[in-house]
Amino acid sequence: ALWLVSVAAIWGFTNPLIKAGGKGIENVKSSGNAFSQFLMEFKFLFLNWKYLLPFLLNQSGSVLYYMTLASADLSLAVPVTNSLTFVFTGLGGKLCGEEFGSKRQSYSDVLGVLFQ
């Protein structure tokens, strides 16, 4: 169970960092076709360390999750990890200065996680 919590923490705390690191991608414009636009956006993200480092850490969490699933009960592992990821994403977002919705929305989110 400790590994599942670790995975959730890695995923949850890197999600807001990935979001913050990807800011500015909407300003990347290519004068060519859709494939050219894709390449420009890929280059933007790949050369942006603020995006790339959290992304690679997030992917290492995915590798750890895959290895953990070999010894975990799937009916327990998946909902626990996903629920905790949601909680850690909220905490990480708050630490990064992201705004939450209203208090009512926050309470309903917590209840949704608890009674999933």
Foldseek 3Di string as FASTA:
>chain_A
DVLLLVLLLLLQLLVVQLVVQLPPLVVQDDPDDPVRNVVSSVVSQVVRCSNVVSVVSNVVSVVSLVVVVVPDDVVPSVLVSVLSSVVSNVVNCVVVPHDDDDPVVVVVSVVVSVVD
